[in-house]
Structure formats: structure tokens, C-alpha cells
mmCIF file of all heavy atoms, coordinates in Angstrom:
data_MODEL
# 
_entry.id   MODEL 
# 
loop_
_atom_site.group_PDB 
_atom_site.id 
_atom_site.type_symbol 
_atom_site.label_atom_id 
_atom_site.label_alt_id 
_atom_site.label_comp_id 
_atom_site.label_asym_id 
_atom_site.label_entity_id 
_atom_site.label_seq_id 
_atom_site.pdbx_PDB_ins_code 
_atom_site.Cartn_x 
_atom_site.Cartn_y 
_atom_site.Cartn_z 
_atom_site.occupancy 
_atom_site.B_iso_or_equiv 
_atom_site.pdbx_formal_charge 
_atom_site.auth_seq_id 
_atom_site.auth_comp_id 
_atom_site.auth_asym_id 
_atom_site.auth_atom_id 
_atom_site.pdbx_PDB_model_num 
ATOM 1   N N   . SER A 1 1  ? -94.732 98.444  47.568 1.00 0.00 ? 1  SER A N   1 
ATOM 2   C CA  . SER A 1 1  ? -93.431 98.387  46.884 1.00 0.00 ? 1  SER A CA  1 
ATOM 3   C C   . SER A 1 1  ? -92.664 97.118  47.265 1.00 0.00 ? 1  SER A C   1 
ATOM 4   O O   . SER A 1 1  ? -91.473 97.144  47.551 1.00 0.00 ? 1  SER A O   1 
ATOM 5   C CB  . SER A 1 1  ? -92.606 99.635  47.197 1.00 0.00 ? 1  SER A CB  1 
ATOM 6   O OG  . SER A 1 1  ? -93.310 100.805 46.812 1.00 0.00 ? 1  SER A OG  1 
ATOM 7   N N   . ALA A 1 2  ? -93.368 95.979  47.245 1.00 0.00 ? 2  ALA A N   1 
ATOM 8   C CA  . ALA A 1 2  ? -92.814 94.710  47.718 1.00 0.00 ? 2  ALA A CA  1 
ATOM 9   C C   . ALA A 1 2  ? -91.544 94.287  46.988 1.00 0.00 ? 2  ALA A C   1 
ATOM 10  O O   . ALA A 1 2  ? -90.632 93.739  47.616 1.00 0.00 ? 2  ALA A O   1 
ATOM 11  C CB  . ALA A 1 2  ? -93.866 93.603  47.605 1.00 0.00 ? 2  ALA A CB  1 
ATOM 12  N N   . ILE A 1 3  ? -91.460 94.548  45.712 1.00 0.00 ? 3  ILE A N   1 
ATOM 13  C CA  . ILE A 1 3  ? -90.291 94.118  44.942 1.00 0.00 ? 3  ILE A CA  1 
ATOM 14  C C   . ILE A 1 3  ? -89.044 94.840  45.443 1.00 0.00 ? 3  ILE A C   1 
ATOM 15  O O   . ILE A 1 3  ? -88.037 94.206  45.781 1.00 0.00 ? 3  ILE A O   1 
ATOM 16  C CB  . ILE A 1 3  ? -90.516 94.345  43.436 1.00 0.00 ? 3  ILE A CB  1 
ATOM 17  C CG1 . ILE A 1 3  ? -91.660 93.455  42.942 1.00 0.00 ? 3  ILE A CG1 1 
ATOM 18  C CG2 . ILE A 1 3  ? -89.234 94.081  42.641 1.00 0.00 ? 3  ILE A CG2 1 
ATOM 19  C CD1 . ILE A 1 3  ? -92.226 93.843  41.593 1.00 0.00 ? 3  ILE A CD1 1 
ATOM 20  N N   . GLU A 1 4  ? -89.130 96.142  45.515 1.00 0.00 ? 4  GLU A N   1 
ATOM 21  C CA  . GLU A 1 4  ? -87.992 96.944  45.977 1.00 0.00 ? 4  GLU A CA  1 
ATOM 22  C C   . GLU A 1 4  ? -87.671 96.652  47.451 1.00 0.00 ? 4  GLU A C   1 
ATOM 23  O O   . GLU A 1 4  ? -86.500 96.491  47.820 1.00 0.00 ? 4  GLU A O   1 
ATOM 24  C CB  . GLU A 1 4  ? -88.296 98.426  45.801 1.00 0.00 ? 4  GLU A CB  1 
ATOM 25  C CG  . GLU A 1 4  ? -87.179 99.332  46.242 1.00 0.00 ? 4  GLU A CG  1 
ATOM 26  C CD  . GLU A 1 4  ? -87.530 100.806 46.081 1.00 0.00 ? 4  GLU A CD  1 
ATOM 27  O OE1 . GLU A 1 4  ? -88.467 101.139 45.333 1.00 0.00 ? 4  GLU A OE1 1 
ATOM 28  O OE2 . GLU A 1 4  ? -86.849 101.622 46.722 1.00 0.00 ? 4  GLU A OE2 1 
ATOM 29  N N   . LEU A 1 5  ? -88.703 96.550  48.273 1.00 0.00 ? 5  LEU A N   1 
ATOM 30  C CA  . LEU A 1 5  ? -88.485 96.297  49.697 1.00 0.00 ? 5  LEU A CA  1 
ATOM 31  C C   . LEU A 1 5  ? -87.839 94.930  49.917 1.00 0.00 ? 5  LEU A C   1 
ATOM 32  O O   . LEU A 1 5  ? -86.903 94.797  50.712 1.00 0.00 ? 5  LEU A O   1 
ATOM 33  C CB  . LEU A 1 5  ? -89.805 96.405  50.459 1.00 0.00 ? 5  LEU A CB  1 
ATOM 34  C CG  . LEU A 1 5  ? -89.744 96.235  51.970 1.00 0.00 ? 5  LEU A CG  1 
ATOM 35  C CD1 . LEU A 1 5  ? -88.739 97.181  52.611 1.00 0.00 ? 5  LEU A CD1 1 
ATOM 36  C CD2 . LEU A 1 5  ? -91.133 96.427  52.574 1.00 0.00 ? 5  LEU A CD2 1 
ATOM 37  N N   . ASN A 1 6  ? -88.310 93.916  49.203 1.00 0.00 ? 6  ASN A N   1 
ATOM 38  C CA  . ASN A 1 6  ? -87.715 92.588  49.310 1.00 0.00 ? 6  ASN A CA  1 
ATOM 39  C C   . ASN A 1 6  ? -86.231 92.634  48.962 1.00 0.00 ? 6  ASN A C   1 
ATOM 40  O O   . ASN A 1 6  ? -85.399 92.059  49.660 1.00 0.00 ? 6  ASN A O   1 
ATOM 41  C CB  . ASN A 1 6  ? -88.453 91.605  48.396 1.00 0.00 ? 6  ASN A CB  1 
ATOM 42  C CG  . ASN A 1 6  ? -87.872 90.214  48.414 1.00 0.00 ? 6  ASN A CG  1 
ATOM 43  O OD1 . ASN A 1 6  ? -87.352 89.738  49.421 1.00 0.00 ? 6  ASN A OD1 1 
ATOM 44  N ND2 . ASN A 1 6  ? -87.956 89.536  47.287 1.00 0.00 ? 6  ASN A ND2 1 
ATOM 45  N N   . ARG A 1 7  ? -85.880 93.344  47.904 1.00 0.00 ? 7  ARG A N   1 
ATOM 46  C CA  . ARG A 1 7  ? -84.490 93.416  47.480 1.00 0.00 ? 7  ARG A CA  1 
ATOM 47  C C   . ARG A 1 7  ? -83.634 94.169  48.511 1.00 0.00 ? 7  ARG A C   1 
ATOM 48  O O   . ARG A 1 7  ? -82.486 93.820  48.746 1.00 0.00 ? 7  ARG A O   1 
ATOM 49  C CB  . ARG A 1 7  ? -84.394 94.007  46.082 1.00 0.00 ? 7  ARG A CB  1 
ATOM 50  C CG  . ARG A 1 7  ? -85.111 93.078  45.062 1.00 0.00 ? 7  ARG A CG  1 
ATOM 51  C CD  . ARG A 1 7  ? -84.953 93.482  43.638 1.00 0.00 ? 7  ARG A CD  1 
ATOM 52  N NE  . ARG A 1 7  ? -83.595 93.326  43.165 1.00 0.00 ? 7  ARG A NE  1 
ATOM 53  C CZ  . ARG A 1 7  ? -83.014 92.160  42.863 1.00 0.00 ? 7  ARG A CZ  1 
ATOM 54  N NH1 . ARG A 1 7  ? -83.681 91.026  43.000 1.00 0.00 ? 7  ARG A NH1 1 
ATOM 55  N NH2 . ARG A 1 7  ? -81.773 92.117  42.409 1.00 0.00 ? 7  ARG A NH2 1 
ATOM 56  N N   . GLU A 1 8  ? -84.205 95.185  49.136 1.00 0.00 ? 8  GLU A N   1 
ATOM 57  C CA  . GLU A 1 8  ? -83.490 95.901  50.207 1.00 0.00 ? 8  GLU A CA  1 
ATOM 58  C C   . GLU A 1 8  ? -83.227 94.982  51.399 1.00 0.00 ? 8  GLU A C   1 
ATOM 59  O O   . GLU A 1 8  ? -82.144 94.994  51.973 1.00 0.00 ? 8  GLU A O   1 
ATOM 60  C CB  . GLU A 1 8  ? -84.293 97.111  50.672 1.00 0.00 ? 8  GLU A CB  1 
ATOM 61  C CG  . GLU A 1 8  ? -84.312 98.254  49.694 1.00 0.00 ? 8  GLU A CG  1 
ATOM 62  C CD  . GLU A 1 8  ? -85.226 99.384  50.136 1.00 0.00 ? 8  GLU A CD  1 
ATOM 63  O OE1 . GLU A 1 8  ? -85.630 99.422  51.328 1.00 0.00 ? 8  GLU A OE1 1 
ATOM 64  O OE2 . GLU A 1 8  ? -85.559 100.235 49.291 1.00 0.00 ? 8  GLU A OE2 1 
ATOM 65  N N   . ILE A 1 9  ? -84.230 94.190  51.762 1.00 0.00 ? 9  ILE A N   1 
ATOM 66  C CA  . ILE A 1 9  ? -84.102 93.283  52.897 1.00 0.00 ? 9  ILE A CA  1 
ATOM 67  C C   . ILE A 1 9  ? -83.072 92.193  52.606 1.00 0.00 ? 9  ILE A C   1 
ATOM 68  O O   . ILE A 1 9  ? -82.316 91.802  53.490 1.00 0.00 ? 9  ILE A O   1 
ATOM 69  C CB  . ILE A 1 9  ? -85.474 92.672  53.267 1.00 0.00 ? 9  ILE A CB  1 
ATOM 70  C CG1 . ILE A 1 9  ? -86.429 93.773  53.745 1.00 0.00 ? 9  ILE A CG1 1 
ATOM 71  C CG2 . ILE A 1 9  ? -85.334 91.575  54.329 1.00 0.00 ? 9  ILE A CG2 1 
ATOM 72  C CD1 . ILE A 1 9  ? -87.888 93.356  53.796 1.00 0.00 ? 9  ILE A CD1 1 
ATOM 73  N N   . MET A 1 10 ? -83.030 91.723  51.362 1.00 0.00 ? 10 MET A N   1 
ATOM 74  C CA  . MET A 1 10 ? -82.051 90.697  50.980 1.00 0.00 ? 10 MET A CA  1 
ATOM 75  C C   . MET A 1 10 ? -80.641 91.249  51.007 1.00 0.00 ? 10 MET A C   1 
ATOM 76  O O   . MET A 1 10 ? -79.712 90.574  51.436 1.00 0.00 ? 10 MET A O   1 
ATOM 77  C CB  . MET A 1 10 ? -82.335 90.164  49.568 1.00 0.00 ? 10 MET A CB  1 
ATOM 78  C CG  . MET A 1 10 ? -83.512 89.251  49.469 1.00 0.00 ? 10 MET A CG  1 
ATOM 79  S SD  . MET A 1 10 ? -83.631 88.436  47.851 1.00 0.00 ? 10 MET A SD  1 
ATOM 80  C CE  . MET A 1 10 ? -83.492 89.783  46.696 1.00 0.00 ? 10 MET A CE  1 
ATOM 81  N N   . GLY A 1 11 ? -80.438 92.441  50.486 1.00 0.00 ? 11 GLY A N   1 
ATOM 82  C CA  . GLY A 1 11 ? -79.099 93.019  50.381 1.00 0.00 ? 11 GLY A CA  1 
ATOM 83  C C   . GLY A 1 11 ? -78.436 92.665  49.068 1.00 0.00 ? 11 GLY A C   1 
ATOM 84  O O   . GLY A 1 11 ? -78.978 91.913  48.253 1.00 0.00 ? 11 GLY A O   1 
ATOM 85  N N   . ALA A 1 12 ? -77.254 93.198  48.857 1.00 0.00 ? 12 ALA A N   1 
ATOM 86  C CA  . ALA A 1 12 ? -76.508 92.981  47.613 1.00 0.00 ? 12 ALA A CA  1 
ATOM 87  C C   . ALA A 1 12 ? -76.230 91.497  47.400 1.00 0.00 ? 12 ALA A C   1 
ATOM 88  O O   . ALA A 1 12 ? -76.033 90.746  48.357 1.00 0.00 ? 12 ALA A O   1 
ATOM 89  C CB  . ALA A 1 12 ? -75.198 93.757  47.650 1.00 0.00 ? 12 ALA A CB  1 
ATOM 90  N N   . THR A 1 13 ? -76.195 91.087  46.126 1.00 0.00 ? 13 THR A N   1 
ATOM 91  C CA  . THR A 1 13 ? -75.926 89.690  45.772 1.00 0.00 ? 13 THR A CA  1 
ATOM 92  C C   . THR A 1 13 ? -74.626 89.203  46.394 1.00 0.00 ? 13 THR A C   1 
ATOM 93  O O   . THR A 1 13 ? -74.543 88.096  46.906 1.00 0.00 ? 13 THR A O   1 
ATOM 94  C CB  . THR A 1 13 ? -75.876 89.526  44.242 1.00 0.00 ? 13 THR A CB  1 
ATOM 95  O OG1 . THR A 1 13 ? -77.109 89.981  43.688 1.00 0.00 ? 13 THR A OG1 1 
ATOM 96  C CG2 . THR A 1 13 ? -75.636 88.090  43.843 1.00 0.00 ? 13 THR A CG2 1 
ATOM 97  N N   . ASN A 1 14 ? -73.603 90.049  46.350 1.00 0.00 ? 14 ASN A N   1 
ATOM 98  C CA  . ASN A 1 14 ? -72.330 89.719  46.969 1.00 0.00 ? 14 ASN A CA  1 
ATOM 99  C C   . ASN A 1 14 ? -72.437 90.067  48.453 1.00 0.00 ? 14 ASN A C   1 
ATOM 100 O O   . ASN A 1 14 ? -72.537 91.244  48.811 1.00 0.00 ? 14 ASN A O   1 
ATOM 101 C CB  . ASN A 1 14 ? -71.201 90.518  46.317 1.00 0.00 ? 14 ASN A CB  1 
ATOM 102 C CG  . ASN A 1 14 ? -69.849 90.201  46.888 1.00 0.00 ? 14 ASN A CG  1 
ATOM 103 O OD1 . ASN A 1 14 ? -69.729 89.662  47.987 1.00 0.00 ? 14 ASN A OD1 1 
ATOM 104 N ND2 . ASN A 1 14 ? -68.807 90.543  46.153 1.00 0.00 ? 14 ASN A ND2 1 
ATOM 105 N N   . PRO A 1 15 ? -72.407 89.065  49.324 1.00 0.00 ? 15 PRO A N   1 
ATOM 106 C CA  . PRO A 1 15 ? -72.584 89.356  50.751 1.00 0.00 ? 15 PRO A CA  1 
ATOM 107 C C   . PRO A 1 15 ? -71.526 90.297  51.325 1.00 0.00 ? 15 PRO A C   1 
ATOM 108 O O   . PRO A 1 15 ? -71.795 91.003  52.296 1.00 0.00 ? 15 PRO A O   1 
ATOM 109 C CB  . PRO A 1 15 ? -72.521 87.981  51.414 1.00 0.00 ? 15 PRO A CB  1 
ATOM 110 C CG  . PRO A 1 15 ? -71.969 87.062  50.396 1.00 0.00 ? 15 PRO A CG  1 
ATOM 111 C CD  . PRO A 1 15 ? -72.227 87.657  49.057 1.00 0.00 ? 15 PRO A CD  1 
ATOM 112 N N   . ASP A 1 16 ? -70.352 90.350  50.705 1.00 0.00 ? 16 ASP A N   1 
ATOM 113 C CA  . ASP A 1 16 ? -69.315 91.275  51.171 1.00 0.00 ? 16 ASP A CA  1 
ATOM 114 C C   . ASP A 1 16 ? -69.706 92.732  50.928 1.00 0.00 ? 16 ASP A C   1 
ATOM 115 O O   . ASP A 1 16 ? -69.195 93.633  51.587 1.00 0.00 ? 16 ASP A O   1 
ATOM 116 C CB  . ASP A 1 16 ? -67.980 90.989  50.480 1.00 0.00 ? 16 ASP A CB  1 
ATOM 117 C CG  . ASP A 1 16 ? -67.392 89.647  50.889 1.00 0.00 ? 16 ASP A CG  1 
ATOM 118 O OD1 . ASP A 1 16 ? -67.716 89.151  51.987 1.00 0.00 ? 16 ASP A OD1 1 
ATOM 119 O OD2 . ASP A 1 16 ? -66.610 89.085  50.090 1.00 0.00 ? 16 ASP A OD2 1 
ATOM 120 N N   . GLN A 1 17 ? -70.624 92.965  49.979 1.00 0.00 ? 17 GLN A N   1 
ATOM 121 C CA  . GLN A 1 17 ? -71.074 94.315  49.651 1.00 0.00 ? 17 GLN A CA  1 
ATOM 122 C C   . GLN A 1 17 ? -72.444 94.630  50.250 1.00 0.00 ? 17 GLN A C   1 
ATOM 123 O O   . GLN A 1 17 ? -72.947 95.738  50.103 1.00 0.00 ? 17 GLN A O   1 
ATOM 124 C CB  . GLN A 1 17 ? -71.117 94.496  48.138 1.00 0.00 ? 17 GLN A CB  1 
ATOM 125 C CG  . GLN A 1 17 ? -69.760 94.351  47.482 1.00 0.00 ? 17 GLN A CG  1 
ATOM 126 C CD  . GLN A 1 17 ? -69.846 94.324  45.962 1.00 0.00 ? 17 GLN A CD  1 
ATOM 127 O OE1 . GLN A 1 17 ? -70.917 94.303  45.375 1.00 0.00 ? 17 GLN A OE1 1 
ATOM 128 N NE2 . GLN A 1 17 ? -68.685 94.317  45.328 1.00 0.00 ? 17 GLN A NE2 1 
ATOM 129 N N   . ALA A 1 18 ? -73.060 93.652  50.909 1.00 0.00 ? 18 ALA A N   1 
ATOM 130 C CA  . ALA A 1 18 ? -74.397 93.841  51.476 1.00 0.00 ? 18 ALA A CA  1 
ATOM 131 C C   . ALA A 1 18 ? -74.330 94.689  52.746 1.00 0.00 ? 18 ALA A C   1 
ATOM 132 O O   . ALA A 1 18 ? -73.351 94.652  53.492 1.00 0.00 ? 18 ALA A O   1 
ATOM 133 C CB  . ALA A 1 18 ? -75.028 92.483  51.783 1.00 0.00 ? 18 ALA A CB  1 
ATOM 134 N N   . GLU A 1 19 ? -75.373 95.448  52.964 1.00 0.00 ? 19 GLU A N   1 
ATOM 135 C CA  . GLU A 1 19 ? -75.484 96.297  54.151 1.00 0.00 ? 19 GLU A CA  1 
ATOM 136 C C   . GLU A 1 19 ? -75.693 95.443  55.403 1.00 0.00 ? 19 GLU A C   1 
ATOM 137 O O   . GLU A 1 19 ? -76.366 94.408  55.347 1.00 0.00 ? 19 GLU A O   1 
ATOM 138 C CB  . GLU A 1 19 ? -76.659 97.262  54.004 1.00 0.00 ? 19 GLU A CB  1 
ATOM 139 C CG  . GLU A 1 19 ? -76.486 98.293  52.907 1.00 0.00 ? 19 GLU A CG  1 
ATOM 140 C CD  . GLU A 1 19 ? -75.412 99.315  53.224 1.00 0.00 ? 19 GLU A CD  1 
ATOM 141 O OE1 . GLU A 1 19 ? -75.294 99.711  54.402 1.00 0.00 ? 19 GLU A OE1 1 
ATOM 142 O OE2 . GLU A 1 19 ? -74.691 99.706  52.294 1.00 0.00 ? 19 GLU A OE2 1 
ATOM 143 N N   . PRO A 1 20 ? -75.173 95.883  56.539 1.00 0.00 ? 20 PRO A N   1 
ATOM 144 C CA  . PRO A 1 20 ? -75.436 95.174  57.796 1.00 0.00 ? 20 PRO A CA  1 
ATOM 145 C C   . PRO A 1 20 ? -76.945 95.072  58.045 1.00 0.00 ? 20 PRO A C   1 
ATOM 146 O O   . PRO A 1 20 ? -77.697 95.989  57.730 1.00 0.00 ? 20 PRO A O   1 
ATOM 147 C CB  . PRO A 1 20 ? -74.774 96.060  58.844 1.00 0.00 ? 20 PRO A CB  1 
ATOM 148 C CG  . PRO A 1 20 ? -73.715 96.806  58.093 1.00 0.00 ? 20 PRO A CG  1 
ATOM 149 C CD  . PRO A 1 20 ? -74.290 97.033  56.713 1.00 0.00 ? 20 PRO A CD  1 
ATOM 150 N N   . GLY A 1 21 ? -77.358 93.948  58.595 1.00 0.00 ? 21 GLY A N   1 
ATOM 151 C CA  . GLY A 1 21 ? -78.768 93.734  58.898 1.00 0.00 ? 21 GLY A CA  1 
ATOM 152 C C   . GLY A 1 21 ? -79.570 93.129  57.771 1.00 0.00 ? 21 GLY A C   1 
ATOM 153 O O   . GLY A 1 21 ? -80.747 92.815  57.953 1.00 0.00 ? 21 GLY A O   1 
ATOM 154 N N   . THR A 1 22 ? -78.961 92.970  56.592 1.00 0.00 ? 22 THR A N   1 
ATOM 155 C CA  . THR A 1 22 ? -79.663 92.341  55.474 1.00 0.00 ? 22 THR A CA  1 
ATOM 156 C C   . THR A 1 22 ? -79.482 90.826  55.538 1.00 0.00 ? 22 THR A C   1 
ATOM 157 O O   . THR A 1 22 ? -78.573 90.313  56.206 1.00 0.00 ? 22 THR A O   1 
ATOM 158 C CB  . THR A 1 22 ? -79.159 92.860  54.108 1.00 0.00 ? 22 THR A CB  1 
ATOM 159 O OG1 . THR A 1 22 ? -77.770 92.535  53.973 1.00 0.00 ? 22 THR A OG1 1 
ATOM 160 C CG2 . THR A 1 22 ? -79.366 94.368  53.986 1.00 0.00 ? 22 THR A CG2 1 
ATOM 161 N N   . ILE A 1 23 ? -80.353 90.119  54.858 1.00 0.00 ? 23 ILE A N   1 
ATOM 162 C CA  . ILE A 1 23 ? -80.287 88.654  54.848 1.00 0.00 ? 23 ILE A CA  1 
ATOM 163 C C   . ILE A 1 23 ? -78.920 88.177  54.388 1.00 0.00 ? 23 ILE A C   1 
ATOM 164 O O   . ILE A 1 23 ? -78.301 87.324  55.028 1.00 0.00 ? 23 ILE A O   1 
ATOM 165 C CB  . ILE A 1 23 ? -81.399 88.069  53.949 1.00 0.00 ? 23 ILE A CB  1 
ATOM 166 C CG1 . ILE A 1 23 ? -82.770 88.320  54.579 1.00 0.00 ? 23 ILE A CG1 1 
ATOM 167 C CG2 . ILE A 1 23 ? -81.169 86.575  53.693 1.00 0.00 ? 23 ILE A CG2 1 
ATOM 168 C CD1 . ILE A 1 23 ? -83.946 88.046  53.658 1.00 0.00 ? 23 ILE A CD1 1 
ATOM 169 N N   . ARG A 1 24 ? -78.445 88.714  53.289 1.00 0.00 ? 24 ARG A N   1 
ATOM 170 C CA  . ARG A 1 24 ? -77.189 88.227  52.727 1.00 0.00 ? 24 ARG A CA  1 
ATOM 171 C C   . ARG A 1 24 ? -75.979 88.588  53.585 1.00 0.00 ? 24 ARG A C   1 
ATOM 172 O O   . ARG A 1 24 ? -75.034 87.809  53.677 1.00 0.00 ? 24 ARG A O   1 
ATOM 173 C CB  . ARG A 1 24 ? -77.049 88.706  51.290 1.00 0.00 ? 24 ARG A CB  1 
ATOM 174 C CG  . ARG A 1 24 ? -78.076 88.007  50.383 1.00 0.00 ? 24 ARG A CG  1 
ATOM 175 C CD  . ARG A 1 24 ? -78.079 88.554  49.002 1.00 0.00 ? 24 ARG A CD  1 
ATOM 176 N NE  . ARG A 1 24 ? -78.942 87.756  48.127 1.00 0.00 ? 24 ARG A NE  1 
ATOM 177 C CZ  . ARG A 1 24 ? -79.443 88.217  47.004 1.00 0.00 ? 24 ARG A CZ  1 
ATOM 178 N NH1 . ARG A 1 24 ? -79.177 89.457  46.604 1.00 0.00 ? 24 ARG A NH1 1 
ATOM 179 N NH2 . ARG A 1 24 ? -80.212 87.440  46.253 1.00 0.00 ? 24 ARG A NH2 1 
ATOM 180 N N   . LYS A 1 25 ? -76.000 89.730  54.220 1.00 0.00 ? 25 LYS A N   1 
ATOM 181 C CA  . LYS A 1 25 ? -74.886 90.099  55.103 1.00 0.00 ? 25 LYS A CA  1 
ATOM 182 C C   . LYS A 1 25 ? -74.871 89.194  56.338 1.00 0.00 ? 25 LYS A C   1 
ATOM 183 O O   . LYS A 1 25 ? -73.814 88.763  56.785 1.00 0.00 ? 25 LYS A O   1 
ATOM 184 C CB  . LYS A 1 25 ? -74.994 91.569  55.523 1.00 0.00 ? 25 LYS A CB  1 
ATOM 185 C CG  . LYS A 1 25 ? -73.788 92.064  56.279 1.00 0.00 ? 25 LYS A CG  1 
ATOM 186 C CD  . LYS A 1 25 ? -72.553 92.018  55.404 1.00 0.00 ? 25 LYS A CD  1 
ATOM 187 C CE  . LYS A 1 25 ? -71.424 92.852  55.928 1.00 0.00 ? 25 LYS A CE  1 
ATOM 188 N NZ  . LYS A 1 25 ? -70.317 92.906  54.962 1.00 0.00 ? 25 LYS A NZ  1 
ATOM 189 N N   . GLU A 1 26 ? -76.055 88.916  56.857 1.00 0.00 ? 26 GLU A N   1 
ATOM 190 C CA  . GLU A 1 26 ? -76.161 88.147  58.096 1.00 0.00 ? 26 GLU A CA  1 
ATOM 191 C C   . GLU A 1 26 ? -76.002 86.638  57.881 1.00 0.00 ? 26 GLU A C   1 
ATOM 192 O O   . GLU A 1 26 ? -75.469 85.955  58.752 1.00 0.00 ? 26 GLU A O   1 
ATOM 193 C CB  . GLU A 1 26 ? -77.505 88.416  58.781 1.00 0.00 ? 26 GLU A CB  1 
ATOM 194 C CG  . GLU A 1 26 ? -77.746 89.876  59.132 1.00 0.00 ? 26 GLU A CG  1 
ATOM 195 C CD  . GLU A 1 26 ? -76.679 90.471  60.035 1.00 0.00 ? 26 GLU A CD  1 
ATOM 196 O OE1 . GLU A 1 26 ? -76.252 89.800  60.988 1.00 0.00 ? 26 GLU A OE1 1 
ATOM 197 O OE2 . GLU A 1 26 ? -76.250 91.614  59.762 1.00 0.00 ? 26 GLU A OE2 1 
ATOM 198 N N   . PHE A 1 27 ? -76.474 86.105  56.735 1.00 0.00 ? 27 PHE A N   1 
ATOM 199 C CA  . PHE A 1 27 ? -76.587 84.654  56.599 1.00 0.00 ? 27 PHE A CA  1 
ATOM 200 C C   . PHE A 1 27 ? -75.852 84.027  55.419 1.00 0.00 ? 27 PHE A C   1 
ATOM 201 O O   . PHE A 1 27 ? -75.621 82.812  55.427 1.00 0.00 ? 27 PHE A O   1 
ATOM 202 C CB  . PHE A 1 27 ? -78.060 84.251  56.504 1.00 0.00 ? 27 PHE A CB  1 
ATOM 203 C CG  . PHE A 1 27 ? -78.893 84.709  57.667 1.00 0.00 ? 27 PHE A CG  1 
ATOM 204 C CD1 . PHE A 1 27 ? -80.038 85.459  57.462 1.00 0.00 ? 27 PHE A CD1 1 
ATOM 205 C CD2 . PHE A 1 27 ? -78.534 84.406  58.968 1.00 0.00 ? 27 PHE A CD2 1 
ATOM 206 C CE1 . PHE A 1 27 ? -80.822 85.877  58.520 1.00 0.00 ? 27 PHE A CE1 1 
ATOM 207 C CE2 . PHE A 1 27 ? -79.308 84.824  60.046 1.00 0.00 ? 27 PHE A CE2 1 
ATOM 208 C CZ  . PHE A 1 27 ? -80.456 85.561  59.822 1.00 0.00 ? 27 PHE A CZ  1 
ATOM 209 N N   . ALA A 1 28 ? -75.513 84.788  54.378 1.00 0.00 ? 28 ALA A N   1 
ATOM 210 C CA  . ALA A 1 28 ? -74.908 84.192  53.178 1.00 0.00 ? 28 ALA A CA  1 
ATOM 211 C C   . ALA A 1 28 ? -73.550 83.575  53.482 1.00 0.00 ? 28 ALA A C   1 
ATOM 212 O O   . ALA A 1 28 ? -72.791 84.080  54.307 1.00 0.00 ? 28 ALA A O   1 
ATOM 213 C CB  . ALA A 1 28 ? -74.769 85.246  52.088 1.00 0.00 ? 28 ALA A CB  1 
# 
């Protein structure tokens, strides 16, 4: 399920809405 898993790891497009520990929350 690489597509879904990749998107979970990235987090929401808006970093303010991304879950802690996701790429976008941590680095965007």
C-alpha cells in the first residue's frame, strides 16, 4: 500500500494541519 503509506508519512498538504511526526509537520 505504498501510495497510501507515502501520503500518511508526508502528512496533510497544509503543514498546520499535518499530524506530528509527518514530513510536512516536521520540515515544511
